[in-house]
Amino acid sequence: MPVELPRADPGTGTRTDLSRDVELAVEGDGPWCAVVWNDPVNLMSYVVFVFRRYFGYSRLVAEQLMMQVHEEGRAIVSRGSRERVETDVQAMHSFGLQATLERAGQD
């Protein structure tokens, strides 16, 4: 089940503001994280599409997360209970993205 997330205002954010939006977007109520990993197969535009479609992230937040995956090799895309995050990881797999489950604080 997708997580309810705040929307970024496309005309007002700076890169710093976007980083804060990303942090707020992936906040959750549990000790588990869904991590999406960089891969040589999926286009950046497709990763943005998946983040927007499944999680409901704004274009700016989805692009910021995609760039984090691209530049750092991974990004935390959701947090919450184990069951909810397992569902998110499976959804990422169904879209063809590499994703794993891990405890919060292990990144």
N, C-alpha and C. Protein backbone atom coordinates (compact mmCIF):
# COMPACT_ATOMS: atom_id res chain seq x y z
N MET A 1 0.84 -1.17 0.00
CA MET A 1 0.00 0.00 0.00
C MET A 1 0.89 1.24 0.00
N PRO A 2 0.66 2.18 -0.91
CA PRO A 2 1.47 3.40 -0.95
C PRO A 2 1.30 4.23 0.31
N VAL A 3 2.33 5.00 0.60
CA VAL A 3 2.37 5.84 1.79
C VAL A 3 1.85 7.23 1.44
N GLU A 4 1.06 7.84 2.32
CA GLU A 4 0.63 9.21 2.12
C GLU A 4 1.82 10.14 2.32
N LEU A 5 2.08 11.02 1.36
CA LEU A 5 3.27 11.85 1.40
C LEU A 5 2.96 13.30 1.13
N PRO A 6 3.78 14.20 1.68
CA PRO A 6 3.60 15.61 1.37
C PRO A 6 4.02 15.86 -0.07
N ARG A 7 3.43 16.85 -0.69
CA ARG A 7 3.76 17.22 -2.06
C ARG A 7 4.71 18.42 -2.05
N ALA A 8 5.70 18.38 -2.92
CA ALA A 8 6.60 19.52 -3.06
C ALA A 8 5.97 20.51 -4.03
N ASP A 9 6.17 21.79 -3.80
CA ASP A 9 5.70 22.83 -4.70
C ASP A 9 6.76 23.00 -5.78
N PRO A 10 6.45 22.68 -7.05
CA PRO A 10 7.49 22.63 -8.06
C PRO A 10 8.18 23.95 -8.33
N GLY A 11 7.57 25.06 -8.02
CA GLY A 11 8.18 26.33 -8.38
C GLY A 11 8.97 27.01 -7.27
N THR A 12 9.04 26.43 -6.08
CA THR A 12 9.62 27.20 -4.98
C THR A 12 10.83 26.58 -4.32
N GLY A 13 11.14 25.32 -4.58
CA GLY A 13 12.18 24.65 -3.81
C GLY A 13 13.58 24.86 -4.34
N THR A 14 14.51 24.98 -3.43
CA THR A 14 15.92 24.92 -3.79
C THR A 14 16.38 23.50 -3.54
N ARG A 15 17.63 23.19 -3.88
CA ARG A 15 18.12 21.83 -3.64
C ARG A 15 18.06 21.50 -2.15
N THR A 16 18.38 22.45 -1.28
CA THR A 16 18.30 22.22 0.16
C THR A 16 16.87 21.94 0.58
N ASP A 17 15.92 22.73 0.05
CA ASP A 17 14.52 22.50 0.38
C ASP A 17 14.09 21.12 -0.09
N LEU A 18 14.55 20.70 -1.26
CA LEU A 18 14.19 19.39 -1.77
C LEU A 18 14.73 18.29 -0.88
N SER A 19 15.93 18.44 -0.37
CA SER A 19 16.48 17.43 0.53
C SER A 19 15.59 17.27 1.75
N ARG A 20 15.09 18.37 2.27
CA ARG A 20 14.18 18.32 3.41
C ARG A 20 12.88 17.65 3.01
N ASP A 21 12.35 17.96 1.81
CA ASP A 21 11.14 17.31 1.33
C ASP A 21 11.32 15.81 1.21
N VAL A 22 12.49 15.39 0.74
CA VAL A 22 12.77 13.95 0.62
C VAL A 22 12.78 13.31 2.00
N GLU A 23 13.43 13.95 2.96
CA GLU A 23 13.46 13.41 4.33
C GLU A 23 12.05 13.29 4.88
N LEU A 24 11.21 14.30 4.67
CA LEU A 24 9.84 14.25 5.16
C LEU A 24 9.04 13.18 4.44
N ALA A 25 9.28 13.03 3.14
CA ALA A 25 8.51 12.09 2.33
C ALA A 25 8.73 10.65 2.77
N VAL A 26 9.93 10.30 3.19
CA VAL A 26 10.20 8.90 3.52
C VAL A 26 10.09 8.61 5.01
N GLU A 27 9.66 9.59 5.81
CA GLU A 27 9.45 9.34 7.23
C GLU A 27 8.33 8.33 7.40
N GLY A 28 8.46 7.49 8.39
CA GLY A 28 7.43 6.51 8.66
C GLY A 28 7.31 6.24 10.14
N ASP A 29 6.48 5.27 10.47
CA ASP A 29 6.18 4.99 11.86
C ASP A 29 6.82 3.71 12.37
N GLY A 30 7.86 3.25 11.73
CA GLY A 30 8.45 2.00 12.18
C GLY A 30 9.95 1.95 11.96
N PRO A 31 10.55 0.87 12.42
CA PRO A 31 12.01 0.77 12.38
C PRO A 31 12.56 0.11 11.11
N TRP A 32 11.79 0.04 10.04
CA TRP A 32 12.23 -0.63 8.82
C TRP A 32 12.29 0.35 7.65
N CYS A 33 13.20 0.08 6.72
CA CYS A 33 13.40 0.94 5.54
C CYS A 33 13.40 0.09 4.28
N ALA A 34 12.84 0.66 3.22
CA ALA A 34 12.98 0.07 1.88
C ALA A 34 14.08 0.85 1.18
N VAL A 35 15.09 0.13 0.71
CA VAL A 35 16.23 0.74 0.03
C VAL A 35 16.20 0.33 -1.44
N VAL A 36 16.26 1.31 -2.33
CA VAL A 36 16.38 1.03 -3.76
C VAL A 36 17.84 1.23 -4.14
N TRP A 37 18.36 0.27 -4.91
CA TRP A 37 19.77 0.25 -5.29
C TRP A 37 19.95 0.64 -6.75
N ASN A 38 21.09 1.24 -7.05
CA ASN A 38 21.42 1.58 -8.42
C ASN A 38 21.62 0.30 -9.23
N ASP A 39 21.25 0.37 -10.49
CA ASP A 39 21.49 -0.76 -11.39
C ASP A 39 21.81 -0.22 -12.78
N PRO A 40 22.44 -1.01 -13.61
CA PRO A 40 22.82 -0.54 -14.94
C PRO A 40 21.71 -0.70 -15.98
N VAL A 41 20.53 -1.11 -15.57
CA VAL A 41 19.48 -1.46 -16.52
C VAL A 41 18.42 -0.37 -16.67
N ASN A 42 17.88 0.11 -15.57
CA ASN A 42 16.73 1.01 -15.62
C ASN A 42 17.14 2.45 -15.88
N LEU A 43 16.38 3.10 -16.76
CA LEU A 43 16.61 4.51 -17.06
C LEU A 43 16.21 5.37 -15.86
N MET A 44 16.89 6.50 -15.71
CA MET A 44 16.57 7.41 -14.61
C MET A 44 15.13 7.87 -14.70
N SER A 45 14.64 8.14 -15.90
CA SER A 45 13.26 8.59 -16.07
C SER A 45 12.27 7.51 -15.62
N TYR A 46 12.62 6.24 -15.82
CA TYR A 46 11.75 5.16 -15.38
C TYR A 46 11.72 5.07 -13.86
N VAL A 47 12.86 5.24 -13.21
CA VAL A 47 12.92 5.20 -11.75
C VAL A 47 12.05 6.33 -11.18
N VAL A 48 12.13 7.52 -11.76
CA VAL A 48 11.27 8.64 -11.33
C VAL A 48 9.80 8.25 -11.51
N PHE A 49 9.47 7.67 -12.65
CA PHE A 49 8.10 7.23 -12.91
C PHE A 49 7.62 6.27 -11.81
N VAL A 50 8.44 5.28 -11.48
CA VAL A 50 8.06 4.29 -10.46
C VAL A 50 7.83 4.97 -9.12
N PHE A 51 8.73 5.85 -8.71
CA PHE A 51 8.59 6.52 -7.41
C PHE A 51 7.32 7.37 -7.38
N ARG A 52 7.01 8.02 -8.48
CA ARG A 52 5.80 8.85 -8.53
C ARG A 52 4.56 7.98 -8.55
N ARG A 53 4.59 6.93 -9.34
CA ARG A 53 3.42 6.07 -9.52
C ARG A 53 3.09 5.30 -8.25
N TYR A 54 4.08 4.65 -7.66
CA TYR A 54 3.82 3.79 -6.51
C TYR A 54 3.70 4.57 -5.21
N PHE A 55 4.66 5.44 -4.93
CA PHE A 55 4.66 6.15 -3.66
C PHE A 55 3.85 7.43 -3.68
N GLY A 56 3.56 7.95 -4.86
CA GLY A 56 2.83 9.21 -4.96
C GLY A 56 3.70 10.43 -4.70
N TYR A 57 5.03 10.26 -4.82
CA TYR A 57 5.93 11.39 -4.61
C TYR A 57 5.74 12.43 -5.70
N SER A 58 5.98 13.68 -5.34
CA SER A 58 5.98 14.74 -6.35
C SER A 58 7.13 14.49 -7.30
N ARG A 59 7.10 15.14 -8.45
CA ARG A 59 8.17 14.98 -9.43
C ARG A 59 9.51 15.36 -8.82
N LEU A 60 9.55 16.45 -8.07
CA LEU A 60 10.80 16.91 -7.49
C LEU A 60 11.37 15.93 -6.46
N VAL A 61 10.53 15.40 -5.62
CA VAL A 61 10.99 14.44 -4.62
C VAL A 61 11.46 13.16 -5.31
N ALA A 62 10.70 12.69 -6.29
CA ALA A 62 11.07 11.48 -7.01
C ALA A 62 12.41 11.66 -7.73
N GLU A 63 12.62 12.83 -8.33
CA GLU A 63 13.89 13.10 -9.01
C GLU A 63 15.05 13.16 -8.02
N GLN A 64 14.82 13.75 -6.87
CA GLN A 64 15.87 13.83 -5.85
C GLN A 64 16.25 12.42 -5.37
N LEU A 65 15.27 11.58 -5.13
CA LEU A 65 15.56 10.21 -4.71
C LEU A 65 16.28 9.45 -5.82
N MET A 66 15.85 9.63 -7.05
CA MET A 66 16.51 8.96 -8.17
C MET A 66 17.97 9.40 -8.27
N MET A 67 18.25 10.69 -8.09
CA MET A 67 19.63 11.17 -8.15
C MET A 67 20.45 10.60 -7.00
N GLN A 68 19.84 10.43 -5.84
CA GLN A 68 20.55 9.82 -4.72
C GLN A 68 20.90 8.37 -5.06
N VAL A 69 19.98 7.65 -5.65
CA VAL A 69 20.26 6.28 -6.09
C VAL A 69 21.40 6.30 -7.10
N HIS A 70 21.34 7.19 -8.07
CA HIS A 70 22.34 7.26 -9.13
C HIS A 70 23.73 7.64 -8.60
N GLU A 71 23.79 8.65 -7.75
CA GLU A 71 25.07 9.18 -7.28
C GLU A 71 25.65 8.41 -6.09
N GLU A 72 24.80 7.96 -5.18
CA GLU A 72 25.28 7.29 -3.97
C GLU A 72 25.12 5.77 -4.02
N GLY A 73 24.43 5.29 -5.04
CA GLY A 73 24.25 3.86 -5.20
C GLY A 73 23.02 3.29 -4.52
N ARG A 74 22.34 4.09 -3.71
CA ARG A 74 21.15 3.64 -2.99
C ARG A 74 20.39 4.83 -2.42
N ALA A 75 19.13 4.60 -2.11
CA ALA A 75 18.32 5.61 -1.43
C ALA A 75 17.22 4.91 -0.64
N ILE A 76 16.94 5.44 0.53
CA ILE A 76 15.81 4.95 1.31
C ILE A 76 14.56 5.61 0.74
N VAL A 77 13.61 4.79 0.30
CA VAL A 77 12.42 5.32 -0.35
C VAL A 77 11.16 5.22 0.51
N SER A 78 11.21 4.42 1.58
CA SER A 78 10.09 4.39 2.51
C SER A 78 10.56 3.85 3.85
N ARG A 79 9.82 4.18 4.88
CA ARG A 79 10.07 3.71 6.24
C ARG A 79 8.73 3.32 6.84
N GLY A 80 8.78 2.37 7.77
CA GLY A 80 7.54 2.00 8.44
C GLY A 80 7.64 0.65 9.08
N SER A 81 6.47 0.06 9.28
CA SER A 81 6.41 -1.28 9.88
C SER A 81 7.02 -2.28 8.89
N ARG A 82 7.47 -3.39 9.42
CA ARG A 82 8.09 -4.41 8.57
C ARG A 82 7.14 -4.86 7.46
N GLU A 83 5.88 -5.09 7.80
CA GLU A 83 4.91 -5.57 6.81
C GLU A 83 4.72 -4.56 5.68
N ARG A 84 4.59 -3.28 6.03
CA ARG A 84 4.37 -2.26 5.00
C ARG A 84 5.61 -2.12 4.12
N VAL A 85 6.79 -2.13 4.74
CA VAL A 85 8.02 -1.95 3.97
C VAL A 85 8.30 -3.18 3.11
N GLU A 86 7.97 -4.37 3.60
CA GLU A 86 8.10 -5.57 2.77
C GLU A 86 7.23 -5.45 1.51
N THR A 87 6.04 -4.90 1.68
CA THR A 87 5.15 -4.67 0.53
C THR A 87 5.78 -3.69 -0.44
N ASP A 88 6.40 -2.63 0.08
CA ASP A 88 7.07 -1.66 -0.79
C ASP A 88 8.23 -2.29 -1.55
N VAL A 89 9.02 -3.12 -0.88
CA VAL A 89 10.15 -3.80 -1.53
C VAL A 89 9.63 -4.71 -2.64
N GLN A 90 8.59 -5.48 -2.35
CA GLN A 90 8.02 -6.36 -3.38
C GLN A 90 7.49 -5.55 -4.56
N ALA A 91 6.89 -4.41 -4.28
CA ALA A 91 6.40 -3.55 -5.36
C ALA A 91 7.55 -3.06 -6.23
N MET A 92 8.66 -2.68 -5.60
CA MET A 92 9.82 -2.23 -6.37
C MET A 92 10.33 -3.37 -7.26
N HIS A 93 10.34 -4.59 -6.73
CA HIS A 93 10.74 -5.76 -7.52
C HIS A 93 9.80 -5.94 -8.71
N SER A 94 8.51 -5.75 -8.48
CA SER A 94 7.54 -5.93 -9.57
C SER A 94 7.73 -4.90 -10.68
N PHE A 95 8.30 -3.75 -10.34
CA PHE A 95 8.62 -2.72 -11.34
C PHE A 95 10.00 -2.95 -11.96
N GLY A 96 10.72 -3.97 -11.48
CA GLY A 96 12.03 -4.27 -12.03
C GLY A 96 13.18 -3.54 -11.37
N LEU A 97 12.94 -2.92 -10.21
CA LEU A 97 13.99 -2.22 -9.48
C LEU A 97 14.59 -3.14 -8.42
N GLN A 98 15.87 -2.96 -8.14
CA GLN A 98 16.51 -3.72 -7.07
C GLN A 98 16.23 -3.00 -5.75
N ALA A 99 15.66 -3.72 -4.80
CA ALA A 99 15.32 -3.12 -3.51
C ALA A 99 15.51 -4.15 -2.40
N THR A 100 15.83 -3.65 -1.22
CA THR A 100 15.99 -4.52 -0.05
C THR A 100 15.33 -3.88 1.16
N LEU A 101 15.13 -4.72 2.15
CA LEU A 101 14.57 -4.31 3.43
C LEU A 101 15.69 -4.25 4.43
N GLU A 102 15.72 -3.21 5.25
CA GLU A 102 16.71 -3.18 6.32
C GLU A 102 16.17 -2.39 7.50
N ARG A 103 16.76 -2.62 8.66
CA ARG A 103 16.37 -1.86 9.85
C ARG A 103 16.83 -0.43 9.71
N ALA A 104 16.02 0.50 10.19
CA ALA A 104 16.39 1.92 10.17
C ALA A 104 17.65 2.11 10.98
N GLY A 105 18.50 3.03 10.55
CA GLY A 105 19.73 3.30 11.26
C GLY A 105 20.91 2.47 10.81
N GLN A 106 20.71 1.57 9.86
CA GLN A 106 21.80 0.76 9.36
C GLN A 106 22.33 1.26 8.03
N ASP A 107 21.98 2.49 7.65
CA ASP A 107 22.43 3.02 6.36
C ASP A 107 23.64 3.85 6.46
